[in-house]
Structure formats: C-alpha cells, structure tokens
C-alpha cells in the first residue's frame, strides 16, 4: 500500500530523490536533466512583488541550463498565485544579470490534488487533467518562435478529470498520484517507468521510517486545519484547528513523558546492574583469596577467567 502523495512529507520524500526528479522532468518536458542539490521550501530574498513565498521543491541543473520547480497544491487553487510564483523565478535571474538576458530556462510543475474551484474567464468550468503554458512567441501562421522556452505544466489526478486519450508520459504520473492519494490497496502502475518504480519503492508504507510517519501525521494535521478554516470560515475554523493542535500537543507531551519514564527506568536498571556487578566481583575476590580454583569461581559468578585473574 502506498502512502499518499498529497501529504507534504511523503511528497517531498519522493520528489527530492534524484532518479524520480529527473525522470519526472524528462517525461513532462522531454528534456534530459542532471541536478545536483534538490531544495525544499525554497525562498528568495529580497522577495519579489512584496510576497514572501516558498517553493515546495526547487533545483538547478548542473550545467545551469534549467531551473525547475515542483509545487504540490491541495487548497487555494489560485491560478494568479501560480503565475506569480513562476514569473518570480524567471525575474529572479535578473537580479545579478548585467543584461536582461536570462540564461536559464524555467520549468515548473503544479500538482493539484482535488477538483478545481475556479472557472475560466468565460465562466466555463475547467475540466482538464493536464494543462500546459509556454512563454514562446507565435506568428500569424501559428508557428512557434523559440526565444525563452519557459514552460509550466499543471497536473490534476482527480478521477473527475480522467481522460482516456491522455498521453502515456502524463498518464503514468497521474495514475501514481491518484492511486497513492486514494491509498488503494491494489493498484496497477507502469513500473517499467524507472521514475514510477522508484516512487513506489520510496513511499511503500512498509519502507517508511517511524520518524517519517510521525512527520506525515503532523503534515496531515496541518492540512486538516487549513481545510477547516476554508470550509467553516476563519473563526469556526480556527476553533477547530486549535482543538486539533491541543490534541496533537497532548499526544506529543504524552509521548515525551513515556520516553522520559523509559530513560529513567533504563538508568535505574543500569545502576542496579553496576551494583550487582560490584557484589559479584567482591565475592570472586574473596573466593580467590581463599584459594578456590578459578574454574570454580567462574561457575559461581559467570565472570571470565581474565576478569578473575585481574582481581
């Protein structure tokens, strides 16, 4: 069974893996990349446009040709915000550039994990599972004029938008997200895709450490709080959120108390063992002084020959 990729901890565990990251980029943008450091919660200072934002996952390729960001969104589907993030990464390059020329191509992926709550300008609802936006020019004949090649891809794996004719390069990843988010016990994924296979390996519940599971639970609590605030309004949502925080805090305090009690018990056991060892050594010394053979002393005390000889 797979852990849900709409959980912040699980998502970052999967997509900060270089094999997953590079294969994901290859499938979505058809470019081969090699990245060095993959960062999480990436921010820029000073901020762009007076908005201090953070990118879930961010990396630059080793050859400095590409800047790549991956965002997981499970609330506030504000497309203006997505565009702001994307443009901010582009304009960030000009802070240190002597000219306006931007040397690095920016690629971005936004993963939306529930139905859209925004319509098009025409009022028509959005009903697509894959949407793309590129920043190249186009002439009157519809021909692309490649200048910037910045690109952004939106993926929404919600079953409501599933389409039979979705290209395989997108479908593999949409299927992965959908099955993990729904926590399907049985699933069919294209594990011939090295990126998909690696994610399956990384987020299998049996391979997740207790610490990662604890972090995932905390992330799930935060998500529940945001949802409550959104659905019930700020006042009522905050009250519900505070209740969740209190419960979580109490659980953590109880856990800390149990660990302290366990440490205290281990310390007491250690002192008792040391005292028992001292008594045994004194007995062995007394027996040795009275001429009892070492082999007999070993039988009575379970001490080694070397320990007895040192007495």
Protein backbone atom coordinates (compact mmCIF):
# COMPACT_ATOMS: atom_id res chain seq x y z
CA UNK A 1 0.00 0.00 0.00
CA UNK A 2 1.33 3.44 -0.95
CA UNK A 3 1.44 6.45 1.34
CA UNK A 4 -0.47 9.47 -0.06
CA UNK A 5 1.49 11.87 -2.27
CA UNK A 6 -0.81 14.74 -1.31
CA UNK A 7 0.90 14.63 2.08
CA UNK A 8 3.73 17.17 2.29
CA UNK A 9 6.20 14.78 3.95
CA UNK A 10 5.54 11.88 1.57
CA UNK A 11 5.59 14.16 -1.48
CA UNK A 12 8.99 15.62 -0.59
CA UNK A 13 10.41 12.20 0.27
CA UNK A 14 9.54 11.03 -3.24
CA UNK A 15 10.40 14.05 -5.38
CA UNK A 16 13.67 15.02 -3.71
CA UNK A 17 15.03 11.71 -4.95
CA UNK A 18 17.22 12.44 -7.99
CA UNK A 19 16.03 9.45 -10.03
CA UNK A 20 12.39 10.45 -9.51
CA UNK A 21 13.02 14.16 -10.09
CA UNK A 22 14.99 13.73 -13.31
CA UNK A 23 12.66 11.11 -14.78
CA UNK A 24 9.60 13.25 -13.91
CA UNK A 25 11.14 16.21 -15.75
CA UNK A 26 12.06 14.03 -18.74
CA UNK A 27 8.52 12.66 -19.06
CA UNK A 28 6.77 16.02 -18.74
CA UNK A 29 9.12 18.29 -20.71
CA UNK A 30 11.06 15.81 -22.86
CA UNK A 31 14.44 17.11 -21.69
CA UNK A 32 17.27 15.20 -20.06
CA UNK A 33 18.47 16.95 -16.94
CA UNK A 34 21.07 16.25 -14.30
CA UNK A 35 20.60 18.04 -10.98
CA UNK A 36 22.87 18.37 -8.00
CA UNK A 37 21.13 19.79 -4.95
CA UNK A 38 17.35 19.48 -4.67
CA UNK A 39 15.99 22.05 -2.21
CA UNK A 40 12.70 22.22 -0.33
CA UNK A 41 10.87 25.32 0.93
CA UNK A 42 12.96 27.48 -1.40
CA UNK A 43 12.52 31.23 -0.96
CA UNK A 44 14.15 34.33 -2.42
CA UNK A 45 15.41 37.40 -0.57
CA UNK A 46 14.63 40.16 -1.07
CA UNK A 47 11.16 38.98 -2.04
CA UNK A 48 9.60 39.57 -5.45
CA UNK A 49 6.49 41.77 -5.54
CA UNK A 50 6.24 42.02 -1.75
CA UNK A 51 5.08 38.40 -1.48
CA UNK A 52 7.29 36.10 0.57
CA UNK A 53 6.55 32.71 -0.99
CA UNK A 54 8.20 29.31 -0.76
CA UNK A 55 8.57 26.67 -3.45
CA UNK A 56 7.95 23.08 -2.35
CA UNK A 57 10.78 21.62 -4.44
CA UNK A 58 13.44 23.53 -6.37
CA UNK A 59 16.57 22.56 -8.29
CA UNK A 60 19.03 23.88 -10.83
CA UNK A 61 20.71 21.62 -13.34
CA UNK A 62 24.43 21.05 -13.02
CA UNK A 63 25.06 22.73 -16.37
CA UNK A 64 22.99 25.76 -15.22
CA UNK A 65 20.66 25.43 -18.24
CA UNK A 66 17.45 24.87 -16.31
CA UNK A 67 15.72 25.99 -13.14
CA UNK A 68 12.99 23.53 -12.14
CA UNK A 69 10.28 23.89 -9.52
CA UNK A 70 7.59 21.45 -8.41
CA UNK A 71 4.61 22.65 -6.39
CA UNK A 72 2.04 20.45 -4.61
CA UNK A 73 -1.26 22.27 -4.06
CA UNK A 74 -4.17 20.85 -2.08
CA UNK A 75 -6.01 24.04 -1.15
CA UNK A 76 -6.34 27.61 -2.56
CA UNK A 77 -6.39 26.90 -6.30
CA UNK A 78 -5.48 30.47 -7.25
CA UNK A 79 -4.03 30.46 -10.73
CA UNK A 80 -2.86 34.06 -10.36
CA UNK A 81 -0.70 32.88 -7.47
CA UNK A 82 0.80 30.08 -9.58
CA UNK A 83 1.67 32.61 -12.28
CA UNK A 84 3.25 34.93 -9.72
CA UNK A 85 5.48 32.14 -8.40
CA UNK A 86 6.51 31.17 -11.91
CA UNK A 87 7.29 34.73 -13.03
CA UNK A 88 9.17 35.38 -9.80
CA UNK A 89 11.57 32.52 -10.52
CA UNK A 90 12.10 33.94 -14.02
CA UNK A 91 12.73 37.52 -12.87
CA UNK A 92 14.96 36.32 -10.01
CA UNK A 93 17.61 35.59 -12.65
CA UNK A 94 17.84 39.31 -13.48
CA UNK A 95 18.94 40.36 -10.00
CA UNK A 96 22.57 39.58 -10.79
CA UNK A 97 22.47 39.70 -14.59
CA UNK A 98 24.34 42.52 -16.30
CA UNK A 99 21.79 42.42 -19.12
CA UNK A 100 18.15 41.46 -19.39
CA UNK A 101 19.13 38.16 -20.99
CA UNK A 102 18.04 35.18 -18.87
CA UNK A 103 20.45 32.29 -19.29
CA UNK A 104 18.36 29.58 -17.63
CA UNK A 105 15.11 28.08 -18.86
CA UNK A 106 12.48 27.81 -16.12
CA UNK A 107 10.35 24.65 -15.94
CA UNK A 108 7.56 24.32 -13.42
CA UNK A 109 5.06 21.65 -12.43
CA UNK A 110 1.95 22.37 -10.36
CA UNK A 111 0.20 19.28 -9.00
CA UNK A 112 -3.40 19.88 -7.98
CA UNK A 113 -4.84 17.19 -5.77
CA UNK A 114 -8.56 17.93 -5.70
CA UNK A 115 -11.23 19.37 -8.07
CA UNK A 116 -10.75 22.94 -9.23
CA UNK A 117 -12.75 25.68 -7.53
CA UNK A 118 -12.10 28.24 -10.25
CA UNK A 119 -13.73 28.77 -13.66
CA UNK A 120 -12.36 30.22 -16.85
CA UNK A 121 -12.90 33.90 -17.70
CA UNK A 122 -15.82 32.74 -19.88
CA UNK A 123 -17.46 31.22 -16.82
CA UNK A 124 -16.98 27.68 -18.11
CA UNK A 125 -15.56 25.24 -15.56
CA UNK A 126 -12.09 23.78 -16.09
CA UNK A 127 -12.34 20.06 -16.83
CA UNK A 128 -8.81 19.04 -17.83
CA UNK A 129 -6.31 16.80 -16.09
CA UNK A 130 -3.29 18.23 -17.94
CA UNK A 131 -2.72 21.87 -18.90
CA UNK A 132 0.45 23.47 -20.22
CA UNK A 133 1.69 27.01 -20.68
CA UNK A 134 4.77 28.08 -22.63
CA UNK A 135 6.25 31.53 -22.99
CA UNK A 136 7.34 31.43 -26.62
CA UNK A 137 6.09 33.70 -29.33
CA UNK A 138 3.84 32.61 -32.15
CA UNK A 139 3.49 34.22 -35.59
CA UNK A 140 0.28 34.67 -37.56
CA UNK A 141 0.72 31.23 -39.13
CA UNK A 142 0.68 29.60 -35.70
CA UNK A 143 4.39 28.77 -35.87
CA UNK A 144 6.42 28.88 -32.66
CA UNK A 145 9.31 31.32 -32.41
CA UNK A 146 11.56 29.91 -29.69
CA UNK A 147 13.08 32.64 -27.56
CA UNK A 148 12.54 31.85 -23.86
CA UNK A 149 11.11 28.31 -23.79
CA UNK A 150 9.93 28.73 -20.19
CA UNK A 151 7.28 26.10 -19.52
CA UNK A 152 4.73 25.21 -16.86
CA UNK A 153 2.62 22.04 -16.59
CA UNK A 154 -0.48 21.62 -14.43
CA UNK A 155 -1.49 18.09 -13.43
CA UNK A 156 -4.74 17.20 -11.71
CA UNK A 157 -5.01 13.47 -10.93
CA UNK A 158 -8.55 13.68 -9.52
CA UNK A 159 -10.77 10.97 -11.12
CA UNK A 160 -13.28 13.68 -12.11
CA UNK A 161 -10.90 14.79 -14.88
CA UNK A 162 -9.63 11.42 -16.05
CA UNK A 163 -9.38 11.12 -19.83
CA UNK A 164 -8.77 8.00 -21.91
CA UNK A 165 -6.64 9.79 -24.52
CA UNK A 166 -4.15 11.24 -22.02
CA UNK A 167 -0.60 10.68 -23.37
CA UNK A 168 1.34 7.98 -21.54
CA UNK A 169 4.05 10.40 -20.36
CA UNK A 170 1.41 12.19 -18.27
CA UNK A 171 -0.85 9.22 -17.52
CA UNK A 172 1.87 7.25 -15.71
CA UNK A 173 2.28 10.04 -13.16
CA UNK A 174 -1.43 10.87 -12.90
CA UNK A 175 -2.15 7.20 -12.14
CA UNK A 176 0.58 7.21 -9.49
CA UNK A 177 -0.83 10.27 -7.74
CA UNK A 178 -4.41 9.05 -7.95
CA UNK A 179 -3.65 5.60 -6.52
CA UNK A 180 -1.47 6.91 -3.72
CA UNK A 181 -3.86 9.71 -2.70
CA UNK A 182 -6.78 7.27 -2.56
CA UNK A 183 -4.48 4.80 -0.75
CA UNK A 184 -5.65 1.95 -2.92
CA UNK A 185 -4.63 -1.43 -1.53
CA UNK A 186 -4.33 -2.89 -5.02
CA UNK A 187 -3.14 -0.79 -7.93
CA UNK A 188 -1.77 -1.12 -11.44
CA UNK A 189 1.09 1.24 -12.30
CA UNK A 190 3.66 1.34 -15.07
CA UNK A 191 6.69 0.26 -13.05
CA UNK A 192 8.66 -0.12 -16.28
CA UNK A 193 8.96 3.62 -15.91
CA UNK A 194 12.05 3.97 -13.69
CA UNK A 195 10.69 7.10 -12.02
CA UNK A 196 7.37 5.47 -11.12
CA UNK A 197 9.14 2.33 -9.85
CA UNK A 198 11.38 4.41 -7.59
CA UNK A 199 8.45 6.34 -6.11
CA UNK A 200 6.63 3.07 -5.39
CA UNK A 201 9.73 1.84 -3.58
CA UNK A 202 10.12 5.06 -1.58
CA UNK A 203 6.52 5.54 -0.41
CA UNK A 204 5.55 1.96 0.33
CA UNK A 205 4.25 2.08 3.92
CA UNK A 206 6.49 -0.83 4.89
CA UNK A 207 9.59 1.18 3.85
CA UNK A 208 8.70 4.42 5.66
CA UNK A 209 10.50 5.01 8.95
CA UNK A 210 8.61 5.71 12.21
CA UNK A 211 10.02 9.25 12.20
CA UNK A 212 8.76 9.88 8.65
CA UNK A 213 5.33 8.51 9.60
CA UNK A 214 5.20 10.88 12.57
CA UNK A 215 6.13 13.83 10.34
CA UNK A 216 3.47 12.73 7.84
CA UNK A 217 0.84 12.72 10.60
CA UNK A 218 1.79 16.26 11.60
CA UNK A 219 1.60 17.37 7.95
CA UNK A 220 -1.85 15.76 7.66
CA UNK A 221 -2.99 17.68 10.77
CA UNK A 222 -1.84 20.98 9.22
CA UNK A 223 -3.73 20.14 6.05
CA UNK A 224 -6.88 19.35 8.05
CA UNK A 225 -6.60 22.71 9.80
CA UNK A 226 -6.38 24.63 6.53
CA UNK A 227 -9.39 22.75 5.19
CA UNK A 228 -11.43 23.52 8.31
CA UNK A 229 -10.60 27.21 8.09
CA UNK A 230 -11.53 27.25 4.42
CA UNK A 231 -14.80 25.34 4.83
CA UNK A 232 -16.10 26.75 8.12
CA UNK A 233 -14.74 30.28 7.99
CA UNK A 234 -11.89 31.82 9.90
CA UNK A 235 -13.45 31.96 13.38
CA UNK A 236 -15.01 28.50 13.50
CA UNK A 237 -12.15 27.00 11.53
CA UNK A 238 -9.60 28.42 13.97
CA UNK A 239 -11.52 26.95 16.89
CA UNK A 240 -11.48 23.52 15.25
CA UNK A 241 -7.82 23.98 14.36
CA UNK A 242 -6.90 24.93 17.93
CA UNK A 243 -8.66 21.81 19.15
CA UNK A 244 -6.61 19.67 16.76
CA UNK A 245 -3.41 21.43 17.85
CA UNK A 246 -4.22 20.84 21.53
CA UNK A 247 -4.88 17.15 20.89
CA UNK A 248 -1.67 16.81 18.89
CA UNK A 249 0.32 18.70 21.51
CA UNK A 250 -1.07 16.46 24.24
CA UNK A 251 -0.14 13.36 22.25
CA UNK A 252 3.41 14.64 21.80
CA UNK A 253 3.69 15.53 25.50
CA UNK A 254 2.46 12.06 26.49
CA UNK A 255 4.98 10.55 24.10
CA UNK A 256 7.78 12.64 25.61
CA UNK A 257 6.70 11.62 29.10
CA UNK A 258 6.78 7.94 28.14
CA UNK A 259 10.26 8.38 26.69
CA UNK A 260 11.43 10.13 29.89
CA UNK A 261 9.99 7.33 32.01
CA UNK A 262 11.71 4.78 29.78
CA UNK A 263 15.04 6.61 30.06
CA UNK A 264 14.64 6.80 33.82
CA UNK A 265 13.91 3.08 34.02
CA UNK A 266 16.94 2.28 31.86
CA UNK A 267 19.12 4.44 34.13
CA UNK A 268 17.81 2.64 37.21
CA UNK A 269 18.44 -0.75 35.57
CA UNK A 270 21.96 0.36 34.69
CA UNK A 271 22.70 1.35 38.30
CA UNK A 272 21.28 -1.94 39.55
CA UNK A 273 23.45 -3.93 37.13
CA UNK A 274 26.52 -1.98 38.19
CA UNK A 275 25.76 -2.68 41.84
CA UNK A 276 25.23 -6.37 41.16
CA UNK A 277 28.49 -6.49 39.22
CA UNK A 278 30.30 -4.93 42.17
CA UNK A 279 28.89 -7.56 44.55
CA UNK A 280 29.88 -10.38 42.19
CA UNK A 281 33.44 -9.03 41.87
CA UNK A 282 33.78 -8.78 45.66
CA UNK A 283 32.59 -12.38 46.02
CA UNK A 284 35.03 -13.59 43.36
CA UNK A 285 37.89 -11.74 45.06
CA UNK A 286 37.03 -13.33 48.42
CA UNK A 287 36.88 -16.82 46.86
CA UNK A 288 40.18 -16.28 45.08
CA UNK A 289 41.86 -15.13 48.32
CA UNK A 290 40.64 -18.32 49.99
CA UNK A 291 42.28 -20.50 47.35
CA UNK A 292 39.18 -21.51 45.39
CA UNK A 293 40.20 -22.62 41.85
CA UNK A 294 39.41 -20.12 39.08
CA UNK A 295 37.22 -22.62 37.23
CA UNK A 296 35.04 -22.95 40.36
CA UNK A 297 34.83 -19.18 40.74
CA UNK A 298 33.71 -18.93 37.10
CA UNK A 299 30.89 -21.40 37.76
CA UNK A 300 29.62 -19.40 40.74
CA UNK A 301 29.98 -15.87 39.31
CA UNK A 302 29.80 -16.20 35.48
CA UNK A 303 32.90 -14.00 35.30
CA UNK A 304 35.54 -14.60 32.65
CA UNK A 305 38.95 -16.06 33.51
CA UNK A 306 40.60 -12.73 32.63
CA UNK A 307 38.29 -10.78 34.99
CA UNK A 308 39.09 -13.14 37.88
CA UNK A 309 42.83 -13.05 37.20
CA UNK A 310 42.79 -9.24 37.36
CA UNK A 311 41.32 -9.29 40.90
